[in-house]
């Protein structure tokens, strides 16, 4: 397991999603990787908001508009970016 996978597993645990199957985990990673540039752009546009979900709301956008599912994807994205920043 490489450093990215370890960070992703820690982010899963931090967001309470450690029950996902391998296929669900892979799909989550794909969605998050696709949404990361949009999330980073929103972070630059709305630096006063602490989370991706808050930034989306501030921009009048939904999770689906950047390819995320409503049920935990934004929180996982935030946790993953935080874990990657630590390594």
C-alpha atoms as a PDB file:
ATOM      1  CA  UNK A   1       0.000   0.000   0.000  1.00  0.00           C
ATOM      2  CA  UNK A   2       1.486   3.323  -1.047  1.00  0.00           C
ATOM      3  CA  UNK A   3       1.344   6.629   0.859  1.00  0.00           C
ATOM      4  CA  UNK A   4      -1.696   7.839  -1.107  1.00  0.00           C
ATOM      5  CA  UNK A   5      -3.673   4.693  -0.284  1.00  0.00           C
ATOM      6  CA  UNK A   6      -2.715   4.974   3.393  1.00  0.00           C
ATOM      7  CA  UNK A   7      -3.870   8.607   3.425  1.00  0.00           C
ATOM      8  CA  UNK A   8      -7.127   7.583   1.731  1.00  0.00           C
ATOM      9  CA  UNK A   9      -7.705   4.812   4.287  1.00  0.00           C
ATOM     10  CA  UNK A  10      -7.102   7.272   7.151  1.00  0.00           C
ATOM     11  CA  UNK A  11      -9.548   9.709   5.536  1.00  0.00           C
ATOM     12  CA  UNK A  12     -12.116   6.908   5.270  1.00  0.00           C
ATOM     13  CA  UNK A  13     -11.746   6.139   8.952  1.00  0.00           C
ATOM     14  CA  UNK A  14     -11.918   9.827   9.878  1.00  0.00           C
ATOM     15  CA  UNK A  15     -15.212  10.229   8.011  1.00  0.00           C
ATOM     16  CA  UNK A  16     -16.745   6.975   9.236  1.00  0.00           C
ATOM     17  CA  UNK A  17     -16.806   5.403   5.780  1.00  0.00           C
ATOM     18  CA  UNK A  18     -14.455   2.520   6.513  1.00  0.00           C
ATOM     19  CA  UNK A  19     -17.287   0.048   5.759  1.00  0.00           C
ATOM     20  CA  UNK A  20     -17.054   0.549   1.987  1.00  0.00           C
ATOM     21  CA  UNK A  21     -16.331  -2.366  -0.300  1.00  0.00           C
ATOM     22  CA  UNK A  22     -13.256  -2.284  -2.494  1.00  0.00           C
ATOM     23  CA  UNK A  23     -15.403  -1.331  -5.494  1.00  0.00           C
ATOM     24  CA  UNK A  24     -17.171   1.459  -3.557  1.00  0.00           C
ATOM     25  CA  UNK A  25     -13.818   2.746  -2.293  1.00  0.00           C
ATOM     26  CA  UNK A  26     -12.380   2.810  -5.821  1.00  0.00           C
ATOM     27  CA  UNK A  27     -15.455   4.681  -7.109  1.00  0.00           C
ATOM     28  CA  UNK A  28     -15.173   7.187  -4.260  1.00  0.00           C
ATOM     29  CA  UNK A  29     -11.511   7.804  -5.062  1.00  0.00           C
ATOM     30  CA  UNK A  30     -12.351   8.286  -8.742  1.00  0.00           C
ATOM     31  CA  UNK A  31     -15.062  10.845  -7.924  1.00  0.00           C
ATOM     32  CA  UNK A  32     -12.822  12.711  -5.502  1.00  0.00           C
ATOM     33  CA  UNK A  33      -9.874  12.791  -7.898  1.00  0.00           C
ATOM     34  CA  UNK A  34     -12.121  14.194 -10.638  1.00  0.00           C
ATOM     35  CA  UNK A  35     -13.602  16.814  -8.275  1.00  0.00           C
ATOM     36  CA  UNK A  36     -10.347  17.965  -6.668  1.00  0.00           C
ATOM     37  CA  UNK A  37      -9.512  20.696  -9.229  1.00  0.00           C
ATOM     38  CA  UNK A  38     -13.036  22.132  -8.871  1.00  0.00           C
ATOM     39  CA  UNK A  39     -12.807  21.950  -5.079  1.00  0.00           C
ATOM     40  CA  UNK A  40      -9.458  23.738  -5.137  1.00  0.00           C
ATOM     41  CA  UNK A  41     -10.911  26.428  -7.408  1.00  0.00           C
ATOM     42  CA  UNK A  42     -13.809  26.894  -4.974  1.00  0.00           C
ATOM     43  CA  UNK A  43     -11.292  27.164  -2.149  1.00  0.00           C
ATOM     44  CA  UNK A  44      -9.629  30.074  -3.932  1.00  0.00           C
ATOM     45  CA  UNK A  45     -13.002  31.717  -4.635  1.00  0.00           C
ATOM     46  CA  UNK A  46     -14.384  31.241  -1.116  1.00  0.00           C
ATOM     47  CA  UNK A  47     -11.421  31.147   1.288  1.00  0.00           C
ATOM     48  CA  UNK A  48     -13.592  32.151   4.252  1.00  0.00           C
ATOM     49  CA  UNK A  49     -15.437  28.843   4.203  1.00  0.00           C
ATOM     50  CA  UNK A  50     -13.848  25.912   5.979  1.00  0.00           C
ATOM     51  CA  UNK A  51     -15.221  22.933   4.047  1.00  0.00           C
ATOM     52  CA  UNK A  52     -15.914  21.894   0.488  1.00  0.00           C
ATOM     53  CA  UNK A  53     -19.609  21.561   1.283  1.00  0.00           C
ATOM     54  CA  UNK A  54     -19.695  25.129   2.650  1.00  0.00           C
ATOM     55  CA  UNK A  55     -17.826  26.430  -0.402  1.00  0.00           C
ATOM     56  CA  UNK A  56     -20.253  24.676  -2.725  1.00  0.00           C
ATOM     57  CA  UNK A  57     -23.155  26.223  -0.854  1.00  0.00           C
ATOM     58  CA  UNK A  58     -21.523  29.670  -1.008  1.00  0.00           C
ATOM     59  CA  UNK A  59     -21.111  29.281  -4.762  1.00  0.00           C
ATOM     60  CA  UNK A  60     -24.730  28.167  -5.178  1.00  0.00           C
ATOM     61  CA  UNK A  61     -23.597  24.755  -6.399  1.00  0.00           C
ATOM     62  CA  UNK A  62     -24.442  21.168  -5.568  1.00  0.00           C
ATOM     63  CA  UNK A  63     -22.086  18.277  -4.979  1.00  0.00           C
ATOM     64  CA  UNK A  64     -23.295  16.691  -8.224  1.00  0.00           C
ATOM     65  CA  UNK A  65     -22.115  19.685 -10.223  1.00  0.00           C
ATOM     66  CA  UNK A  66     -18.508  18.772  -9.449  1.00  0.00           C
ATOM     67  CA  UNK A  67     -19.119  15.011  -9.606  1.00  0.00           C
ATOM     68  CA  UNK A  68     -19.521  14.223  -5.918  1.00  0.00           C
ATOM     69  CA  UNK A  69     -22.273  12.356  -4.116  1.00  0.00           C
ATOM     70  CA  UNK A  70     -24.066  14.188  -1.306  1.00  0.00           C
ATOM     71  CA  UNK A  71     -23.577  11.396   1.230  1.00  0.00           C
ATOM     72  CA  UNK A  72     -20.089  12.023   2.549  1.00  0.00           C
ATOM     73  CA  UNK A  73     -18.005  12.675  -0.560  1.00  0.00           C
ATOM     74  CA  UNK A  74     -17.210  16.331   0.288  1.00  0.00           C
ATOM     75  CA  UNK A  75     -16.192  15.369   3.811  1.00  0.00           C
ATOM     76  CA  UNK A  76     -13.996  12.570   2.501  1.00  0.00           C
ATOM     77  CA  UNK A  77     -12.389  14.969   0.016  1.00  0.00           C
ATOM     78  CA  UNK A  78     -11.584  17.420   2.805  1.00  0.00           C
ATOM     79  CA  UNK A  79     -10.203  14.645   5.026  1.00  0.00           C
ATOM     80  CA  UNK A  80      -8.110  13.204   2.187  1.00  0.00           C
ATOM     81  CA  UNK A  81      -6.584  16.569   1.309  1.00  0.00           C
ATOM     82  CA  UNK A  82      -5.820  17.104   4.981  1.00  0.00           C
ATOM     83  CA  UNK A  83      -4.146  13.682   5.245  1.00  0.00           C
ATOM     84  CA  UNK A  84      -2.099  14.310   2.088  1.00  0.00           C
ATOM     85  CA  UNK A  85      -0.963  17.676   3.449  1.00  0.00           C
ATOM     86  CA  UNK A  86       0.337  15.920   6.582  1.00  0.00           C
ATOM     87  CA  UNK A  87       2.585  13.549   4.651  1.00  0.00           C
END
